[in-house]
Structures are given as C-alpha cells and as structure tokens.
Protein backbone atom coordinates (compact mmCIF):
# COMPACT_ATOMS: atom_id res chain seq x y z
CA ASN A 1 0.00 0.00 0.00
CA SER A 2 1.72 3.07 -1.28
CA PRO A 3 0.48 6.63 -1.86
CA ARG A 4 -0.06 7.81 -5.43
CA THR A 5 2.94 10.15 -5.24
CA LEU A 6 6.05 9.71 -3.13
CA GLY A 7 7.32 13.06 -1.86
CA ASP A 8 10.88 11.79 -1.42
CA LEU A 9 11.12 10.86 -5.11
CA ARG A 10 10.55 14.31 -6.62
CA ALA A 11 13.32 16.21 -8.39
CA PRO A 12 14.40 19.62 -7.08
CA GLY A 13 13.43 22.78 -8.97
CA VAL A 14 15.49 24.83 -11.40
CA ALA A 15 17.39 27.95 -10.24
CA ASN A 16 19.18 29.47 -13.21
CA LEU A 17 19.83 33.04 -14.31
CA ASP A 18 21.38 34.03 -17.64
CA LEU A 19 22.38 37.65 -18.31
CA SER A 20 23.75 39.51 -21.33
CA GLY A 21 24.67 43.09 -22.14
CA VAL A 22 25.63 44.88 -25.34
CA LYS A 23 27.33 48.27 -25.72
CA ASN A 24 27.57 49.92 -29.16
CA THR A 25 30.11 52.75 -29.53
CA ARG A 26 30.14 54.81 -32.71
CA LEU A 27 33.77 55.55 -33.65
CA PHE A 28 33.36 57.31 -36.99
CA GLU A 29 30.60 57.65 -39.56
CA GLY A 30 29.86 54.12 -40.75
CA LEU A 31 32.18 52.51 -38.15
CA THR A 32 30.83 51.09 -34.88
CA LEU A 33 32.54 49.06 -32.15
CA GLN A 34 30.31 46.58 -30.32
CA PHE A 35 31.22 45.06 -26.93
CA ARG A 36 29.18 42.11 -25.67
CA ALA A 37 29.24 40.29 -22.32
CA GLU A 38 27.20 37.17 -21.57
CA ALA A 39 26.91 35.11 -18.40
CA PHE A 40 25.25 31.70 -18.24
CA ASN A 41 24.23 30.35 -14.80
CA LEU A 42 25.33 33.68 -13.34
CA PHE A 43 24.97 32.75 -9.64
CA ASN A 44 26.46 29.27 -10.20
CA HIS A 45 23.48 27.42 -8.69
CA PRO A 46 23.76 23.66 -9.14
CA GLN A 47 20.79 21.86 -10.66
CA PHE A 48 20.63 18.33 -9.33
CA GLY A 49 19.32 15.36 -11.26
CA PRO A 50 16.27 13.32 -10.29
CA PRO A 51 16.50 10.91 -7.36
CA ASP A 52 16.85 7.15 -7.78
CA THR A 53 13.33 5.74 -8.09
CA ALA A 54 14.15 2.02 -7.84
CA LEU A 55 12.11 0.88 -4.83
CA GLY A 56 13.59 -1.68 -2.47
CA GLU A 57 17.23 -0.60 -2.85
CA ASN A 58 19.44 1.32 -0.42
CA THR A 59 19.73 4.21 -2.92
CA THR A 60 16.00 4.93 -3.23
CA GLY A 61 15.43 8.69 -3.08
CA THR A 62 19.15 9.50 -3.31
CA ILE A 63 20.27 12.26 -5.68
CA SER A 64 23.70 11.47 -7.09
CA SER A 65 24.15 13.68 -10.16
CA GLN A 66 24.28 17.27 -11.33
CA VAL A 67 22.72 18.04 -14.73
CA ASN A 68 23.73 21.64 -15.49
CA ALA A 69 27.00 23.31 -16.41
CA PRO A 70 28.95 25.59 -14.06
CA ARG A 71 29.04 29.36 -14.54
CA GLU A 72 30.19 30.41 -18.00
CA LEU A 73 31.27 33.95 -18.93
CA GLN A 74 31.74 35.06 -22.52
CA PHE A 75 33.05 38.36 -23.89
CA ALA A 76 33.20 39.57 -27.50
CA VAL A 77 34.26 42.65 -29.44
CA LYS A 78 32.97 43.24 -32.96
CA LEU A 79 33.80 45.97 -35.46
CA LEU A 80 30.85 46.91 -37.69
CA PHE A 81 31.53 48.81 -40.90
C-alpha cells in the first residue's frame, strides 16, 4: 500500500539566471565598435538530477548527479563597418 505520489522521489526545482549586455560605440561615420558580455548560470546554482526511483534498494530517493554546467562567462568585441 503506497500513496499515489512519493514526496521523497521528486526532483528539485530549477534555479538558473542568464544575463547579457551589449554596448555599441560609434567611432566614426559608418564605423561602430560593439562590446558584448554574456553570463550563463550567473549565480552558479547547481541543478541536481532526479532521485533514484528504484524501490527496495538502499539508494531509493538519493540524488547522485548534477545536470547543469557551471558558470560560464563570454566576452566579445565586434567591429561593424
């Protein structure tokens, strides 16, 4: 006799924030310099995988993996003419 849903076998939620910014600077007529900065998973929150759902084992309900990437920063400079 088991309930319809097992609270210990639910996966944790997602906490992720991506951010980007672009700065265009006009150098001369017809020449623009663009600076771009992007951050993925800005606060470096881990996102854990789902728990083990195999009933009757010692690992039931145990989370043993991480499914997202760590913080990534990316910068770029582009010359538009």
